[in-house]
Structure formats: structure tokens, C-alpha cells
Amino acid sequence: MKTENSETDRLYLKIFETISDGVLITDLETGSILDANPAAAQMHGYTRDAFNGLRLQSLLSAKSLPFFADYASVIKQGGLFEMQAQHVRRDDSQIFVEWRAVAFNYQGSPCALAIIRDISKRVEAEHQLQQRVVVRTREQAALLEISQNLASTLEMQPGLILEHLEGLIKYSHASLFVLEDSTLVAMAVRGVPQLEKSVPFRIPLIDKQVLKALFNGHNPIRIADLWSNEPTAKFMRTLLENEPSTILMEKVQSWMWIPLAVKNRVLGGIGIAHTARNYFSPHQANLAMTIANQVAVTLVNAGLYEHAQALAALQERQRLAQNLHDAVNQSLFSAGLIAEVLPRLWERDQKEARRSLEDLRRLTRGAQAEMRALLAELRPSTLIDSDLGDLLRLLCNAFTGRTNIPTKITVSGEGSLPPETQVALYRICQEVLNNITKHAGASQVEIDVLHAPEELKLHIRDNGCGFNPSELALSGGHYGLRMMRERAETVGAALAVISQPGNGTEVAIHWAKKGVL
């Protein structure tokens, strides 16, 4: 039996000596280390003899000491003590240690048996992972902000794009180019003051092969050393060799080119540089490419918006030309006919001639009012800077001169409107008067404008034939009426149409500043 115990003791001692985790036996009363295995001593930078006898408190960092206040009491009560702590090694460096300790009877005294494991590498890996998560979260937030900013504008802002890019990728300088007729045009430069004042400057592309190289299969080009003999470095130096673009190569080592492209269509590119060699990482290239793809979409949208503006301007010119033909030209033609027959009519019937003179006066005044209204529309600032009442009087004078329908306008109160609201109300009135001309058969029109603080009410009434609004709604509505409702909704105004067959029509508009309604 004694032999078996000796064998068992030797087995336990061998395990104690060879286990890779640290094993400590500590006195619960004094906190002294009664015995430790070689792994525990080596973990702390001591020999085993120097380690044994140390007090447990001497191994713990100041941060971890408070967590061991109940160490002895937990173990004496038969509990399991588990803790992650910071230990101080002999050379004052610190390690992270995972503790698991239980009660242990050693040489007849109540002690603690602790298994300790150095988890410094794991803690460092977790810390690095947390840092990467923080960095990635910040990058994703920045990308989301950039995406929202680019999506919320229809105009290209190259300087702002480079500013956003610097928030993600630190660079010495950067430039944004757009492609125009086989030429790269620099739209913005950051980090090179002498070039910032020179934009836009141009870099001509020799042939399609250069453009293909810049496209690079819609992938970024990273150059570790711009002055090396690498083919991409030579290519970039050749591209930038002429003034003033050669300044972009001064005092830099790393270079990265990010193509701006949609599908296989190259729109331009972003060049960023750094004074350090091999500075730009693959991850940074992916970030830059993400931004570049959004910028490319913005470039396409900006082009479409510019085209839409040009088309709208053309349509507006055509509309004004049509109005000029329909209203002014017809009025002047009628006035010319009256003026031609007036001398003979005067000799035959002066009473009829006086009526013709009155018609002539009405037609010329109407043509003059129509011209004033058209000129006002040719100067968009007039529709914004003028008083709404004055604009409507101008509109009514032109309407009366064109149709010979008397129009009474009453303006009460004072107030100002946001520019877009005033233009919308003017256009609505314009459309209402056009509808009266075409459909109402009216002999009188009244317009009432009531200004109040941060509020406006507008009523347009005619004594024409009227109609049934419900029947109009069932038939899909009238295009002009739909357009008026859309204009009103755009500026937050309420529009109502009240009409009955034989009782004329009233259009009521109510606009109020947000929070007033």
C-alpha cells in the first residue's frame, strides 16, 4: 500500500512539474506562495526557488489588487475563485493571467490551489480585434455619410469629395480628374497650394491605350515607389511629366490611382500620394474604390441633371415663344386689322369707329401687358423679388387684354413668401386663367389675395359655365388641374376646386408656414 502511495505521489509530482499552466499553492492566511511549479515561476520571470515564498500581492498589478480582497474568504467557504487579472513580472512588465483557485489541504493546513494561465496573447488579440472593429465601424460610418452627401446633391463638389476621402485615408496630396474628350481635367487639388489655384488644368491622353491602362479593369493602381522602375511607376511618371501636373510628383513616394467609371465607361479618376514609401494598403485601396464608385454615380447624375436643366430651359423658351405667338402676335395682328380699316370706318360711321378705337386701345394695352408678363418670366428674379399682388395684377392685365374678360383683383394685408412658394402660386394663377380662357366661357373673373402673418389665402372665381368636379375626377382629371395640385403640394399649400354646372368655378389656395396650420 505504501508503495502504491509513493507511485501516486511521484505521478502527481511529475504532472505538477511538467504541466504548461502555472500551479500555485498559497497560504490563505498570509498570502505567501508555499509552492509553485516551474511554469508559474517562468511565467513571471523568476527561478522556482526565488518565486516560492513571494507574497501573492507582489504579483498583482494595482488595478487587480481590489479584486482579490475576497480571495481567501471565497475559497475558505468552499467556493471556486475565478478571475482575469494583470500580473507584474520580475522585470516590471505586465501579463494577463486567468485564475481558477479552490481550497486545498497542504501539509495539514488550509491553503488554496490555483491554476493560472498566461492569456496575454489572447487578450492582445481581442484588443486588436476591438480596435479593428472600432476602425471598421468608423470607416462604415464615414462611408455612409459620404454616400448620403453624394446622394443628396445633383451637383459635383470635387473639393468636398477629396475632403471626405482624407477622413478615411491620410494622404500628402490628392487630385480629382474628370475625362473630357480624351483629356483629364483636374477639378480639385488638395495639399498642393500652387496647384489648388491652377485648377482646372489639363492632362492630354495620347491614345486609347493610356485610357485603358488608367481604367485598369475598374481596379485601383497602387504604386509603392513612384520613382522605381516598375512599369506602373514609369507609366504614371510619363502621364504627369508635363507642367503643371509634374508638381504632383514632387516629394512623394507612394501613389494610388482610383478610376472613376460606370461599367466600362471611364469618367475620370482620383490620384492620391504620400511621402512615405509603400504607404497605401489593399484595404485602403478598397475603401477608395468604394468612394470612387459613388463619385462615379454622382458624376453621371450631375451630367443628367445638367442635361435636364438645359432641356428645361429649352422647353421654357419654347413655351414663351408659343405664348408670344398665341397672345401678343394675335393681339397685334387684330390691332393691325382695326388700324387698317379705321380711316374708312370713321368716314362712314364715327360711332362704330369709336368702338373700334376702344378695341384698338384694349388690344394694344393687352399686348403691352402680355409682353411685360413674358419679360418678367424671362427674368426669374422678377418672380421672386416682386410683390405677389403686383405680379398677379400684371398677369390679370395681360389676361384681360387677351380675352376682353374684365378681371378684378383685391389684395389685403401684407406679408412675404418663400421664393419657391411665390413662384408656385404665380404659376397656379397662370394656369387657372388659362383654363378660364379655354373652358369657362366666363364674362368676369375676381381674384382675392389675403395676406396674414406667415399665412396666405388666394381665391380665384369666375362666372363661367362651371363643371362637376366628381365627374372630372372619375374621368381621370384634367391635366392642368393635376399640375396645379402638384405645384401646391410641392410648397405645402392646400388647393380646393369648388364648382357646379352653370354656377362658375372657384379655386381656393391656402398656404401657411410649417407649424401654423
Protein backbone atom coordinates (compact mmCIF):
# COMPACT_ATOMS: atom_id res chain seq x y z
CA MET A 1 0.00 0.00 0.00
CA LYS A 2 2.83 2.32 0.88
CA THR A 3 4.43 1.57 -2.45
CA GLU A 4 1.22 2.46 -4.29
CA ASN A 5 1.04 5.83 -2.48
CA SER A 6 4.64 6.57 -3.40
CA GLU A 7 3.91 5.80 -7.06
CA THR A 8 0.85 8.05 -6.95
CA ASP A 9 2.82 10.84 -5.31
CA ARG A 10 5.52 10.59 -7.96
CA LEU A 11 2.85 10.71 -10.68
CA TYR A 12 1.24 13.82 -9.20
CA LEU A 13 4.65 15.41 -8.76
CA LYS A 14 5.51 14.71 -12.40
CA ILE A 15 2.25 16.31 -13.51
CA PHE A 16 2.93 19.27 -11.19
CA GLU A 17 6.41 19.69 -12.64
CA THR A 18 5.57 19.34 -16.34
CA ILE A 19 2.13 20.96 -16.75
CA SER A 20 2.31 24.04 -19.02
CA ASP A 21 -0.11 26.07 -16.92
CA GLY A 22 1.15 27.65 -13.73
CA VAL A 23 0.21 25.95 -10.46
CA LEU A 24 0.35 27.80 -7.16
CA ILE A 25 -0.22 26.66 -3.61
CA THR A 26 -0.81 29.72 -1.41
CA ASP A 27 -1.31 30.20 2.31
CA LEU A 28 -4.81 31.62 2.85
CA GLU A 29 -3.75 33.45 5.98
CA THR A 30 -0.54 35.16 4.84
CA GLY A 31 -0.97 35.07 1.06
CA SER A 32 2.51 33.55 0.69
CA ILE A 33 3.32 31.20 -2.17
CA LEU A 34 4.17 27.91 -0.47
CA ASP A 35 4.98 26.06 -3.66
CA ALA A 36 4.76 26.65 -7.39
CA ASN A 37 5.61 24.63 -10.45
CA PRO A 38 8.35 25.71 -12.89
CA ALA A 39 5.77 27.03 -15.39
CA ALA A 40 4.41 29.52 -12.83
CA ALA A 41 7.90 30.78 -11.96
CA GLN A 42 8.97 31.02 -15.61
CA MET A 43 5.71 32.85 -16.46
CA HIS A 44 6.77 35.61 -14.04
CA GLY A 45 10.48 35.66 -14.92
CA TYR A 46 11.74 34.01 -11.70
CA THR A 47 13.62 30.88 -10.84
CA ARG A 48 11.49 28.46 -8.93
CA ASP A 49 13.46 28.96 -5.71
CA ALA A 50 13.15 32.78 -5.96
CA PHE A 51 9.46 32.55 -6.79
CA ASN A 52 8.48 30.33 -3.87
CA GLY A 53 7.99 32.41 -0.77
CA LEU A 54 6.78 35.54 -2.56
CA ARG A 55 3.52 37.01 -1.39
CA LEU A 56 0.62 36.79 -3.81
CA GLN A 57 0.05 40.56 -3.58
CA SER A 58 3.50 41.23 -5.04
CA LEU A 59 2.47 39.53 -8.28
CA LEU A 60 -0.68 41.58 -8.79
CA SER A 61 -0.88 44.95 -10.50
CA ALA A 62 -2.51 47.83 -8.66
CA LYS A 63 -5.55 47.50 -10.92
CA SER A 64 -6.12 43.87 -9.97
CA LEU A 65 -5.46 44.02 -6.22
CA PRO A 66 -9.03 45.13 -5.27
CA PHE A 67 -10.49 42.08 -6.99
CA PHE A 68 -8.54 39.74 -4.69
CA ALA A 69 -9.89 41.22 -1.46
CA ASP A 70 -12.32 38.29 -1.05
CA TYR A 71 -9.93 35.68 -2.41
CA ALA A 72 -9.35 33.89 0.93
CA SER A 73 -12.96 34.08 2.15
CA VAL A 74 -14.39 32.66 -1.11
CA ILE A 75 -12.03 29.71 -1.01
CA LYS A 76 -12.49 29.04 2.72
CA GLN A 77 -16.24 28.78 2.09
CA GLY A 78 -15.59 26.05 -0.47
CA GLY A 79 -16.19 28.27 -3.47
CA LEU A 80 -14.40 28.45 -6.81
CA PHE A 81 -12.46 31.66 -7.34
CA GLU A 82 -12.28 32.67 -10.99
CA MET A 83 -10.70 35.90 -12.16
CA GLN A 84 -8.82 37.51 -15.01
CA ALA A 85 -6.03 39.64 -13.58
CA GLN A 86 -2.95 41.61 -14.54
CA HIS A 87 0.31 40.30 -13.05
CA VAL A 88 3.63 42.07 -12.71
CA ARG A 89 6.66 40.11 -13.85
CA ARG A 90 10.10 40.41 -12.31
CA ASP A 91 11.19 42.91 -14.99
CA ASP A 92 8.08 45.04 -14.24
CA SER A 93 6.40 44.08 -17.50
CA GLN A 94 2.78 43.03 -17.20
CA ILE A 95 0.92 39.94 -18.33
CA PHE A 96 -2.73 38.95 -18.31
CA VAL A 97 -3.47 35.83 -16.25
CA GLU A 98 -6.59 33.72 -15.94
CA TRP A 99 -7.17 32.37 -12.39
CA ARG A 100 -9.04 29.29 -11.13
CA ALA A 101 -8.49 28.51 -7.43
CA VAL A 102 -10.08 26.12 -4.91
CA ALA A 103 -9.48 25.08 -1.28
CA PHE A 104 -6.58 22.66 -0.82
CA ASN A 105 -5.18 20.92 2.26
CA TYR A 106 -1.41 21.24 2.11
CA GLN A 107 0.82 19.82 4.82
CA GLY A 108 -2.14 19.81 7.17
CA SER A 109 -3.03 23.50 6.68
CA PRO A 110 -5.93 25.08 4.73
CA CYS A 111 -4.46 26.54 1.55
CA ALA A 112 -5.50 27.42 -1.96
CA LEU A 113 -4.60 25.53 -5.11
CA ALA A 114 -4.63 27.83 -8.13
CA ILE A 115 -4.23 27.08 -11.80
CA ILE A 116 -3.06 30.18 -13.66
CA ARG A 117 -2.73 30.61 -17.40
CA ASP A 118 -0.95 33.35 -19.32
CA ILE A 119 -3.61 34.74 -21.68
CA SER A 120 -1.68 37.84 -22.77
CA LYS A 121 -1.67 36.81 -26.42
CA ARG A 122 -5.40 36.17 -26.33
CA VAL A 123 -6.10 39.49 -24.62
CA GLU A 124 -3.88 41.30 -27.11
CA ALA A 125 -5.66 39.58 -29.98
CA GLU A 126 -9.03 40.59 -28.52
CA HIS A 127 -7.76 44.14 -28.05
CA GLN A 128 -6.57 44.29 -31.65
CA LEU A 129 -9.90 42.86 -32.79
CA GLN A 130 -11.75 45.52 -30.81
CA GLN A 131 -9.54 48.19 -32.37
CA ARG A 132 -10.28 46.81 -35.83
CA VAL A 133 -13.99 46.80 -35.04
CA VAL A 134 -13.75 50.44 -33.91
CA VAL A 135 -11.81 51.37 -37.06
CA ARG A 136 -14.21 49.47 -39.33
CA THR A 137 -17.22 51.00 -37.60
CA ARG A 138 -15.74 54.46 -38.07
CA GLU A 139 -14.99 53.68 -41.70
CA GLN A 140 -18.52 52.41 -42.32
CA ALA A 141 -20.00 55.49 -40.67
CA ALA A 142 -17.78 57.72 -42.82
CA LEU A 143 -18.73 55.80 -45.97
CA LEU A 144 -22.40 56.11 -45.07
CA GLU A 145 -22.01 59.86 -44.54
CA ILE A 146 -20.19 60.23 -47.85
CA SER A 147 -22.84 58.17 -49.61
CA GLN A 148 -25.64 60.30 -48.13
CA ASN A 149 -23.85 63.53 -49.06
CA LEU A 150 -23.25 62.38 -52.62
CA ALA A 151 -26.79 61.04 -52.99
CA SER A 152 -28.33 64.26 -51.68
CA THR A 153 -26.79 66.52 -54.30
CA LEU A 154 -27.15 66.79 -58.05
CA GLU A 155 -24.09 68.98 -58.43
CA MET A 156 -20.50 67.81 -58.42
CA GLN A 157 -18.38 69.07 -55.48
CA PRO A 158 -14.84 67.79 -56.16
CA GLY A 159 -13.19 69.62 -53.24
CA LEU A 160 -15.67 68.15 -50.76
CA ILE A 161 -15.09 64.65 -52.15
CA LEU A 162 -11.34 64.93 -51.56
CA GLU A 163 -12.01 66.24 -48.06
CA HIS A 164 -14.20 63.23 -47.28
CA LEU A 165 -11.56 60.90 -48.73
CA GLU A 166 -8.89 62.33 -46.42
CA GLY A 167 -11.11 61.45 -43.45
CA LEU A 168 -10.64 57.78 -44.37
CA ILE A 169 -7.20 57.70 -46.00
CA LYS A 170 -4.50 60.10 -44.88
CA TYR A 171 -2.56 61.47 -47.82
CA SER A 172 0.02 64.15 -48.60
CA HIS A 173 -1.99 65.44 -51.53
CA ALA A 174 -4.83 64.38 -53.78
CA SER A 175 -6.46 65.43 -57.04
CA LEU A 176 -9.73 64.62 -58.77
CA PHE A 177 -9.93 64.46 -62.56
CA VAL A 178 -12.83 64.16 -64.99
CA LEU A 179 -12.44 62.91 -68.55
CA GLU A 180 -13.36 65.34 -71.32
CA ASP A 181 -12.60 64.47 -74.94
CA SER A 182 -9.53 62.27 -74.25
CA THR A 183 -8.23 64.80 -71.72
CA LEU A 184 -8.06 64.53 -67.93
CA VAL A 185 -9.25 67.79 -66.42
CA ALA A 186 -8.25 68.43 -62.80
CA MET A 187 -11.34 69.72 -61.00
CA ALA A 188 -9.85 69.89 -57.49
CA VAL A 189 -6.47 69.52 -55.75
CA ARG A 190 -5.71 69.31 -52.03
CA GLY A 191 -2.29 69.53 -50.40
CA VAL A 192 -0.51 71.41 -53.23
CA PRO A 193 -1.24 75.14 -52.79
CA GLN A 194 0.30 76.20 -56.12
CA LEU A 195 -1.96 73.76 -57.98
CA GLU A 196 -5.08 74.45 -55.93
CA LYS A 197 -5.10 77.90 -57.53
CA SER A 198 -4.47 76.49 -61.02
CA VAL A 199 -7.49 74.23 -61.40
CA PRO A 200 -8.81 73.31 -63.79
CA PHE A 201 -5.64 72.20 -65.58
CA ARG A 202 -5.47 69.51 -68.27
CA ILE A 203 -3.52 66.33 -68.93
CA PRO A 204 -3.93 65.18 -72.56
CA LEU A 205 -4.09 61.41 -73.12
CA ILE A 206 -2.01 60.23 -76.05
CA ASP A 207 -4.14 57.29 -77.15
CA LYS A 208 -6.78 54.81 -76.07
CA GLN A 209 -4.16 52.52 -74.55
CA VAL A 210 -3.45 55.15 -71.90
CA LEU A 211 -7.14 55.31 -71.08
CA LYS A 212 -7.31 51.53 -70.88
CA ALA A 213 -4.34 51.49 -68.51
CA LEU A 214 -5.99 54.10 -66.29
CA PHE A 215 -9.22 52.08 -66.24
CA ASN A 216 -7.19 49.01 -65.15
CA GLY A 217 -10.19 46.72 -65.29
CA HIS A 218 -12.03 49.05 -62.89
CA ASN A 219 -9.41 48.40 -60.19
CA PRO A 220 -7.13 50.81 -58.29
CA ILE A 221 -3.44 51.12 -59.15
CA ARG A 222 -1.11 51.07 -56.10
CA ILE A 223 2.47 52.20 -56.62
CA ALA A 224 4.83 51.56 -53.70
CA ASP A 225 7.59 53.80 -55.11
CA LEU A 226 6.74 56.30 -57.80
CA TRP A 227 10.45 56.58 -58.71
CA SER A 228 11.09 52.87 -59.16
CA ASN A 229 11.49 51.05 -62.46
CA GLU A 230 8.18 49.25 -62.05
CA PRO A 231 6.02 49.55 -65.21
CA THR A 232 3.14 51.22 -63.37
CA ALA A 233 5.52 53.76 -61.81
CA LYS A 234 7.05 54.58 -65.22
CA PHE A 235 3.57 54.88 -66.74
CA MET A 236 2.40 57.32 -64.04
CA ARG A 237 5.56 59.43 -64.32
CA THR A 238 5.05 59.66 -68.09
CA LEU A 239 1.43 60.70 -67.60
CA LEU A 240 2.37 63.50 -65.18
CA GLU A 241 5.58 64.65 -66.85
CA ASN A 242 4.25 67.95 -68.23
CA GLU A 243 3.57 71.20 -66.35
CA PRO A 244 1.72 71.83 -64.17
CA SER A 245 0.84 68.20 -63.34
CA THR A 246 4.52 67.35 -62.75
CA ILE A 247 4.23 69.21 -59.43
CA LEU A 248 2.02 66.35 -58.21
CA MET A 249 5.11 64.08 -58.15
CA GLU A 250 7.29 66.34 -56.00
CA LYS A 251 8.39 64.96 -52.61
CA VAL A 252 6.18 61.87 -52.83
CA GLN A 253 6.93 58.15 -52.88
CA SER A 254 3.63 56.26 -52.78
CA TRP A 255 0.93 56.86 -55.35
CA MET A 256 -2.53 55.42 -55.83
CA TRP A 257 -4.84 55.95 -58.80
CA ILE A 258 -8.55 55.16 -58.40
CA PRO A 259 -10.56 55.10 -61.65
CA LEU A 260 -13.98 56.75 -61.78
CA ALA A 261 -16.02 54.53 -64.05
CA VAL A 262 -19.51 53.20 -64.61
CA LYS A 263 -19.42 49.75 -66.18
CA ASN A 264 -16.76 50.10 -68.90
CA ARG A 265 -17.15 53.86 -69.31
CA VAL A 266 -14.26 55.85 -67.80
CA LEU A 267 -15.38 59.17 -66.31
CA GLY A 268 -12.13 60.26 -64.68
CA GLY A 269 -10.08 59.31 -61.66
CA ILE A 270 -8.69 60.26 -58.26
CA GLY A 271 -4.94 60.36 -57.64
CA ILE A 272 -3.62 60.34 -54.07
CA ALA A 273 0.00 60.47 -52.96
CA HIS A 274 2.07 60.13 -49.78
CA THR A 275 5.65 60.98 -48.87
CA ALA A 276 6.19 57.55 -47.27
CA ARG A 277 7.12 54.57 -49.41
CA ASN A 278 4.62 51.69 -49.79
CA TYR A 279 2.07 53.64 -47.76
CA PHE A 280 -1.26 52.62 -49.27
CA SER A 281 -2.61 49.22 -48.23
CA PRO A 282 -5.01 46.92 -50.12
CA HIS A 283 -7.69 47.77 -47.57
CA GLN A 284 -7.23 51.50 -48.24
CA ALA A 285 -7.47 50.77 -51.96
CA ASN A 286 -10.80 49.02 -51.38
CA LEU A 287 -12.07 51.97 -49.33
CA ALA A 288 -11.02 54.42 -52.04
CA MET A 289 -12.68 52.25 -54.68
CA THR A 290 -15.94 52.25 -52.70
CA ILE A 291 -15.92 56.04 -52.60
CA ALA A 292 -14.91 56.26 -56.28
CA ASN A 293 -17.87 54.13 -57.35
CA GLN A 294 -20.24 56.50 -55.52
CA VAL A 295 -18.48 59.52 -57.03
CA ALA A 296 -18.86 58.00 -60.50
CA VAL A 297 -22.61 57.67 -59.98
CA THR A 298 -22.70 61.29 -58.80
CA LEU A 299 -20.85 62.34 -61.96
CA VAL A 300 -23.44 60.56 -64.10
CA ASN A 301 -26.29 62.13 -62.11
CA ALA A 302 -24.68 65.56 -62.38
CA GLY A 303 -24.45 65.14 -66.15
CA LEU A 304 -28.06 64.05 -66.35
CA TYR A 305 -29.10 66.97 -64.15
CA GLU A 306 -27.20 69.43 -66.33
CA HIS A 307 -28.85 67.92 -69.42
CA ALA A 308 -32.25 68.13 -67.73
CA GLN A 309 -31.64 71.80 -66.88
CA ALA A 310 -30.70 72.54 -70.49
CA LEU A 311 -33.80 70.69 -71.69
CA ALA A 312 -35.99 72.57 -69.20
CA ALA A 313 -34.52 75.87 -70.36
CA LEU A 314 -35.23 74.91 -73.97
CA GLN A 315 -38.80 73.92 -73.10
CA GLU A 316 -39.30 77.19 -71.23
CA ARG A 317 -38.07 79.17 -74.22
CA GLN A 318 -40.43 77.21 -76.44
CA ARG A 319 -43.32 77.90 -74.05
CA LEU A 320 -42.56 81.61 -74.00
CA ALA A 321 -42.29 81.63 -77.78
CA GLN A 322 -45.65 79.88 -78.03
CA ASN A 323 -47.20 82.40 -75.62
CA LEU A 324 -45.70 85.21 -77.61
CA HIS A 325 -47.21 83.78 -80.77
CA ASP A 326 -50.59 82.91 -79.26
CA ALA A 327 -51.16 86.10 -77.29
CA VAL A 328 -49.04 89.06 -78.36
CA ASN A 329 -48.84 88.19 -82.03
CA GLN A 330 -52.58 87.65 -82.32
CA SER A 331 -53.36 90.85 -80.42
CA LEU A 332 -51.03 92.87 -82.63
CA PHE A 333 -52.46 91.21 -85.76
CA SER A 334 -56.01 92.15 -84.68
CA ALA A 335 -54.86 95.66 -83.78
CA GLY A 336 -53.28 95.97 -87.22
CA LEU A 337 -56.52 94.99 -88.97
CA ILE A 338 -58.50 97.53 -86.94
CA ALA A 339 -55.95 100.27 -87.63
CA GLU A 340 -56.10 99.47 -91.35
CA VAL A 341 -59.89 99.83 -91.69
CA LEU A 342 -60.33 102.59 -89.09
CA PRO A 343 -59.93 105.60 -91.51
CA ARG A 344 -62.67 104.31 -93.85
CA LEU A 345 -64.87 103.33 -90.90
CA TRP A 346 -64.52 106.84 -89.41
CA GLU A 347 -65.81 108.42 -92.60
CA ARG A 348 -68.79 106.06 -92.71
CA ASP A 349 -69.80 105.61 -89.02
CA GLN A 350 -67.98 107.56 -86.30
CA LYS A 351 -69.88 105.80 -83.50
CA GLU A 352 -68.74 102.40 -84.73
CA ALA A 353 -65.27 103.83 -85.31
CA ARG A 354 -65.05 104.94 -81.65
CA ARG A 355 -65.90 101.38 -80.57
CA SER A 356 -63.15 100.14 -82.85
CA LEU A 357 -60.77 102.69 -81.33
CA GLU A 358 -61.65 101.32 -77.90
CA ASP A 359 -60.96 97.78 -79.18
CA LEU A 360 -57.66 99.02 -80.61
CA ARG A 361 -56.72 100.57 -77.27
CA ARG A 362 -57.66 97.37 -75.41
CA LEU A 363 -55.67 95.18 -77.79
CA THR A 364 -52.52 97.32 -77.64
CA ARG A 365 -52.70 97.63 -73.85
CA GLY A 366 -53.26 93.87 -73.61
CA ALA A 367 -50.27 93.17 -75.86
CA GLN A 368 -48.18 95.51 -73.76
CA ALA A 369 -49.28 93.79 -70.54
CA GLU A 370 -48.61 90.38 -72.11
CA MET A 371 -45.11 91.47 -73.07
CA ARG A 372 -44.46 92.71 -69.53
CA ALA A 373 -45.58 89.35 -68.13
CA LEU A 374 -43.36 87.46 -70.57
CA LEU A 375 -40.40 89.70 -69.77
CA ALA A 376 -40.98 89.07 -66.08
CA GLU A 377 -40.79 85.33 -66.71
CA LEU A 378 -37.60 85.77 -68.72
CA ARG A 379 -36.04 87.27 -65.58
CA PRO A 380 -36.58 84.63 -62.85
CA SER A 381 -35.55 87.09 -60.13
CA THR A 382 -38.59 89.21 -61.01
CA LEU A 383 -40.94 86.42 -59.92
CA ILE A 384 -39.08 86.24 -56.60
CA ASP A 385 -38.27 89.86 -55.82
CA SER A 386 -41.61 91.42 -56.82
CA ASP A 387 -44.69 91.56 -54.63
CA LEU A 388 -47.16 88.74 -55.38
CA GLY A 389 -50.01 91.23 -55.74
CA ASP A 390 -48.09 93.19 -58.36
CA LEU A 391 -47.28 90.01 -60.27
CA LEU A 392 -50.92 88.95 -60.27
CA ARG A 393 -52.04 92.42 -61.47
CA LEU A 394 -49.59 92.09 -64.34
CA LEU A 395 -50.97 88.65 -65.10
CA CYS A 396 -54.59 89.88 -64.96
CA ASN A 397 -53.90 92.86 -67.25
CA ALA A 398 -52.41 90.53 -69.83
CA PHE A 399 -55.37 88.14 -69.43
CA THR A 400 -57.95 90.90 -69.87
CA GLY A 401 -56.14 92.38 -72.87
CA ARG A 402 -56.01 88.95 -74.49
CA THR A 403 -59.57 87.80 -73.72
CA ASN A 404 -61.55 91.02 -73.13
CA ILE A 405 -62.76 89.44 -69.84
CA PRO A 406 -62.77 92.02 -67.01
CA THR A 407 -60.71 90.96 -64.05
CA LYS A 408 -60.91 92.42 -60.55
CA ILE A 409 -58.06 91.79 -58.13
CA THR A 410 -58.14 92.67 -54.42
CA VAL A 411 -55.07 92.40 -52.19
CA SER A 412 -55.44 92.67 -48.40
CA GLY A 413 -52.78 92.65 -45.72
CA GLU A 414 -49.01 92.43 -46.12
CA GLY A 415 -46.50 89.65 -45.95
CA SER A 416 -43.67 87.92 -47.74
CA LEU A 417 -43.47 84.39 -49.09
CA PRO A 418 -40.61 81.95 -49.58
CA PRO A 419 -39.33 82.27 -53.17
CA GLU A 420 -40.42 78.78 -54.22
CA THR A 421 -43.90 79.35 -52.75
CA GLN A 422 -44.38 82.66 -54.57
CA VAL A 423 -43.33 81.15 -57.91
CA ALA A 424 -45.66 78.18 -57.38
CA LEU A 425 -48.66 80.41 -56.56
CA TYR A 426 -47.94 82.62 -59.59
CA ARG A 427 -47.83 79.54 -61.86
CA ILE A 428 -51.07 78.19 -60.37
CA CYS A 429 -52.85 81.50 -61.06
CA GLN A 430 -51.43 81.49 -64.56
CA GLU A 431 -52.83 78.01 -65.17
CA VAL A 432 -56.23 78.93 -63.68
CA LEU A 433 -56.53 81.90 -66.04
CA ASN A 434 -55.52 79.71 -68.98
CA ASN A 435 -58.25 77.22 -68.04
CA ILE A 436 -60.81 80.03 -67.81
CA THR A 437 -59.82 81.17 -71.29
CA LYS A 438 -60.15 77.68 -72.77
CA HIS A 439 -63.11 76.18 -70.90
CA ALA A 440 -65.13 78.56 -68.73
CA GLY A 441 -66.89 80.91 -71.17
CA ALA A 442 -66.80 83.48 -68.35
CA SER A 443 -67.57 87.19 -68.57
CA GLN A 444 -65.91 88.16 -65.28
CA VAL A 445 -63.07 86.99 -63.03
CA GLU A 446 -62.32 88.00 -59.44
CA ILE A 447 -59.08 87.35 -57.55
CA ASP A 448 -58.78 87.91 -53.78
CA VAL A 449 -55.42 87.77 -52.02
CA LEU A 450 -55.39 87.82 -48.22
CA HIS A 451 -52.01 88.16 -46.52
CA ALA A 452 -51.67 87.29 -42.85
CA PRO A 453 -48.55 86.72 -40.71
CA GLU A 454 -46.92 83.54 -42.05
CA GLU A 455 -50.10 82.68 -43.97
CA LEU A 456 -51.80 83.46 -47.31
CA LYS A 457 -55.24 82.75 -48.79
CA LEU A 458 -55.89 83.08 -52.50
CA HIS A 459 -59.29 82.77 -54.22
CA ILE A 460 -59.90 82.89 -57.99
CA ARG A 461 -63.57 82.97 -59.08
CA ASP A 462 -65.22 83.11 -62.49
CA ASN A 463 -68.89 83.28 -63.55
CA GLY A 464 -68.49 80.76 -66.34
CA CYS A 465 -70.25 77.52 -67.18
CA GLY A 466 -68.76 75.55 -64.30
CA PHE A 467 -68.47 71.76 -64.18
CA ASN A 468 -68.95 68.75 -61.92
CA PRO A 469 -65.64 68.07 -60.08
CA SER A 470 -66.64 64.48 -59.25
CA GLU A 471 -67.17 63.66 -62.92
CA LEU A 472 -63.80 65.18 -63.73
CA ALA A 473 -62.17 63.02 -61.03
CA LEU A 474 -63.85 59.86 -62.40
CA SER A 475 -62.59 60.61 -65.89
CA GLY A 476 -59.02 60.85 -64.66
CA GLY A 477 -58.98 64.59 -64.07
CA HIS A 478 -57.77 67.44 -66.18
CA TYR A 479 -54.04 67.71 -66.79
CA GLY A 480 -53.97 71.41 -65.85
CA LEU A 481 -55.79 70.72 -62.59
CA ARG A 482 -53.41 67.89 -61.71
CA MET A 483 -50.46 70.15 -62.40
CA MET A 484 -51.91 72.86 -60.12
CA ARG A 485 -52.40 70.35 -57.29
CA GLU A 486 -48.84 69.07 -57.69
CA ARG A 487 -47.43 72.60 -57.57
CA ALA A 488 -49.46 73.33 -54.41
CA GLU A 489 -48.35 70.11 -52.70
CA THR A 490 -44.71 70.84 -53.52
CA VAL A 491 -44.77 74.02 -51.38
CA GLY A 492 -47.13 72.65 -48.72
CA ALA A 493 -50.24 74.52 -49.83
CA ALA A 494 -53.82 73.20 -49.85
CA LEU A 495 -55.78 73.62 -53.10
CA ALA A 496 -59.55 73.17 -53.45
CA VAL A 497 -61.78 73.49 -56.54
CA ILE A 498 -65.44 74.37 -55.98
CA SER A 499 -67.74 74.31 -59.00
CA GLN A 500 -71.22 73.39 -60.21
CA PRO A 501 -72.56 73.32 -63.76
CA GLY A 502 -73.95 76.78 -64.58
CA ASN A 503 -72.58 78.42 -61.39
CA GLY A 504 -68.98 79.17 -62.29
CA THR A 505 -65.80 77.91 -60.59
CA GLU A 506 -63.73 78.93 -57.58
CA VAL A 507 -60.15 77.83 -56.91
CA ALA A 508 -59.11 78.30 -53.26
CA ILE A 509 -55.48 78.08 -52.15
CA HIS A 510 -54.31 78.18 -48.55
CA TRP A 511 -50.63 78.32 -47.67
CA ALA A 512 -49.20 78.59 -44.17
CA LYS A 513 -45.72 78.30 -42.78
CA LYS A 514 -44.99 74.92 -41.20
CA GLY A 515 -46.37 74.74 -37.70
CA VAL A 516 -49.01 77.43 -38.33
CA LEU A 517 -51.69 75.16 -39.79
